[in-house]
């Protein structure tokens, strides 16, 4: 990954040459955004992380949404019923847009970080040793 990024940045190459084992060399042109995505995927894989690529417009089931948020399915249903997370019904089943789910997760994580910072500041002010 480092070698690929370095070579492309050094030469400002728009074409990346790919050599498949047993096949002739083939030139592949990658748009900048695709190359950056490839670099991020390789970085995660190099760190031992699994990577899943899902289209932004993808919909997930309530169980999948609950798994992403690391909450129970009944708790997720409560969020949906309270209007905290948009969804649509397909027959009797609820579907959540992945982009809405990820935005909710981002906002929820930011809110939690803010509360944690407040609690930490209060604990330090009170001399609790945190």
Protein backbone atom coordinates (compact mmCIF):
# COMPACT_ATOMS: atom_id res chain seq x y z
CA UNK A 1 0.00 0.00 0.00
CA UNK A 2 2.78 2.45 0.96
CA UNK A 3 4.73 1.60 -2.18
CA UNK A 4 1.68 2.07 -4.39
CA UNK A 5 0.72 5.38 -2.80
CA UNK A 6 4.33 6.63 -2.91
CA UNK A 7 4.81 5.68 -6.54
CA UNK A 8 1.57 7.29 -7.64
CA UNK A 9 2.16 10.48 -5.64
CA UNK A 10 5.80 10.72 -6.74
CA UNK A 11 5.01 10.36 -10.43
CA UNK A 12 1.56 11.96 -10.32
CA UNK A 13 0.42 8.93 -12.27
CA UNK A 14 -3.14 8.71 -13.51
CA UNK A 15 -2.60 5.17 -14.75
CA UNK A 16 -1.80 2.30 -12.43
CA UNK A 17 -0.27 -0.77 -14.05
CA UNK A 18 -1.57 -4.05 -12.74
CA UNK A 19 0.26 -7.34 -13.36
CA UNK A 20 -1.79 -10.48 -12.83
CA UNK A 21 0.11 -13.70 -12.35
CA UNK A 22 0.33 -15.56 -15.64
CA UNK A 23 -1.30 -12.74 -17.61
CA UNK A 24 0.23 -9.94 -19.64
CA UNK A 25 0.57 -6.52 -18.00
CA UNK A 26 -2.57 -4.45 -18.34
CA UNK A 27 -2.98 -0.67 -17.83
CA UNK A 28 -5.91 0.38 -15.70
CA UNK A 29 -6.97 4.01 -15.30
CA UNK A 30 -8.42 4.89 -11.90
CA UNK A 31 -10.19 8.14 -11.02
CA UNK A 32 -8.67 9.92 -8.03
CA UNK A 33 -11.65 9.09 -5.78
CA UNK A 34 -11.44 5.40 -6.67
CA UNK A 35 -7.71 5.38 -5.94
CA UNK A 36 -8.24 7.04 -2.54
CA UNK A 37 -10.95 4.49 -1.72
CA UNK A 38 -8.61 1.68 -2.72
CA UNK A 39 -5.93 3.12 -0.41
CA UNK A 40 -8.38 3.27 2.52
CA UNK A 41 -9.50 -0.31 1.91
CA UNK A 42 -5.90 -1.51 1.76
CA UNK A 43 -5.06 0.37 4.97
CA UNK A 44 -7.93 -1.32 6.83
CA UNK A 45 -6.98 -4.73 5.47
CA UNK A 46 -3.33 -4.16 6.43
CA UNK A 47 -4.52 -3.47 10.00
CA UNK A 48 -6.46 -6.74 10.05
CA UNK A 49 -9.89 -5.14 9.76
CA UNK A 50 -12.67 -6.57 7.63
CA UNK A 51 -14.03 -4.24 4.95
CA UNK A 52 -17.51 -4.15 3.46
CA UNK A 53 -18.44 -1.83 0.64
CA UNK A 54 -22.12 -0.96 0.48
CA UNK A 55 -23.84 1.54 -1.84
CA UNK A 56 -24.99 4.72 -0.08
CA UNK A 57 -28.59 4.12 -1.16
CA UNK A 58 -28.65 0.62 0.36
CA UNK A 59 -31.35 -0.31 2.83
CA UNK A 60 -30.83 -2.55 5.84
CA UNK A 61 -33.16 -4.63 7.97
CA UNK A 62 -33.95 -3.67 11.54
CA UNK A 63 -31.63 -6.41 12.80
CA UNK A 64 -28.78 -5.19 10.60
CA UNK A 65 -29.42 -1.61 11.76
CA UNK A 66 -29.42 -2.73 15.39
CA UNK A 67 -26.12 -4.54 14.81
CA UNK A 68 -24.54 -1.39 13.32
CA UNK A 69 -25.63 0.65 16.35
CA UNK A 70 -24.73 -2.18 18.75
CA UNK A 71 -28.19 -2.10 20.32
CA UNK A 72 -31.00 -4.61 20.63
CA UNK A 73 -33.56 -4.89 17.87
CA UNK A 74 -36.43 -3.85 20.25
CA UNK A 75 -34.47 -0.71 21.18
CA UNK A 76 -33.96 0.09 17.48
CA UNK A 77 -37.71 -0.38 16.86
CA UNK A 78 -38.32 2.12 19.68
CA UNK A 79 -36.03 4.63 17.94
CA UNK A 80 -37.95 4.12 14.69
CA UNK A 81 -41.35 4.48 16.39
CA UNK A 82 -40.22 7.67 18.16
CA UNK A 83 -39.18 9.15 14.80
CA UNK A 84 -35.52 9.44 15.78
CA UNK A 85 -34.51 7.43 12.74
CA UNK A 86 -36.41 7.47 9.41
CA UNK A 87 -37.54 4.21 7.82
CA UNK A 88 -39.98 2.84 5.29
CA UNK A 89 -42.14 -0.23 5.30
CA UNK A 90 -41.89 -3.03 2.77
CA UNK A 91 -45.02 -5.02 3.46
CA UNK A 92 -44.86 -5.55 7.20
CA UNK A 93 -41.09 -5.14 7.41
CA UNK A 94 -39.22 -1.95 8.23
CA UNK A 95 -36.19 -0.89 6.16
CA UNK A 96 -33.67 1.78 7.13
CA UNK A 97 -31.54 3.66 4.62
CA UNK A 98 -27.89 3.02 5.40
CA UNK A 99 -27.00 6.70 4.96
CA UNK A 100 -29.67 7.69 7.54
CA UNK A 101 -28.40 5.03 9.93
CA UNK A 102 -24.78 6.14 9.60
CA UNK A 103 -25.75 9.81 10.06
CA UNK A 104 -27.72 8.92 13.22
CA UNK A 105 -24.73 6.94 14.50
CA UNK A 106 -22.37 9.84 13.78
CA UNK A 107 -24.63 12.31 15.64
CA UNK A 108 -25.17 9.91 18.53
CA UNK A 109 -21.42 9.27 18.85
CA UNK A 110 -20.72 13.03 18.81
CA UNK A 111 -23.35 13.61 21.51
CA UNK A 112 -21.86 10.85 23.66
CA UNK A 113 -18.35 12.30 23.25
CA UNK A 114 -19.66 15.72 24.32
CA UNK A 115 -21.28 14.28 27.43
CA UNK A 116 -18.12 12.33 28.25
CA UNK A 117 -16.04 15.50 27.93
CA UNK A 118 -18.44 17.33 30.29
CA UNK A 119 -18.28 14.53 32.86
CA UNK A 120 -14.49 14.42 32.66
CA UNK A 121 -14.22 18.19 33.12
CA UNK A 122 -16.59 18.06 36.10
CA UNK A 123 -14.63 15.19 37.69
CA UNK A 124 -11.37 17.12 37.26
CA UNK A 125 -12.91 20.24 38.71
CA UNK A 126 -14.05 18.27 41.75
CA UNK A 127 -10.62 16.68 42.10
CA UNK A 128 -11.87 13.11 41.68
CA UNK A 129 -8.62 12.04 40.00
CA UNK A 130 -10.06 11.27 36.56
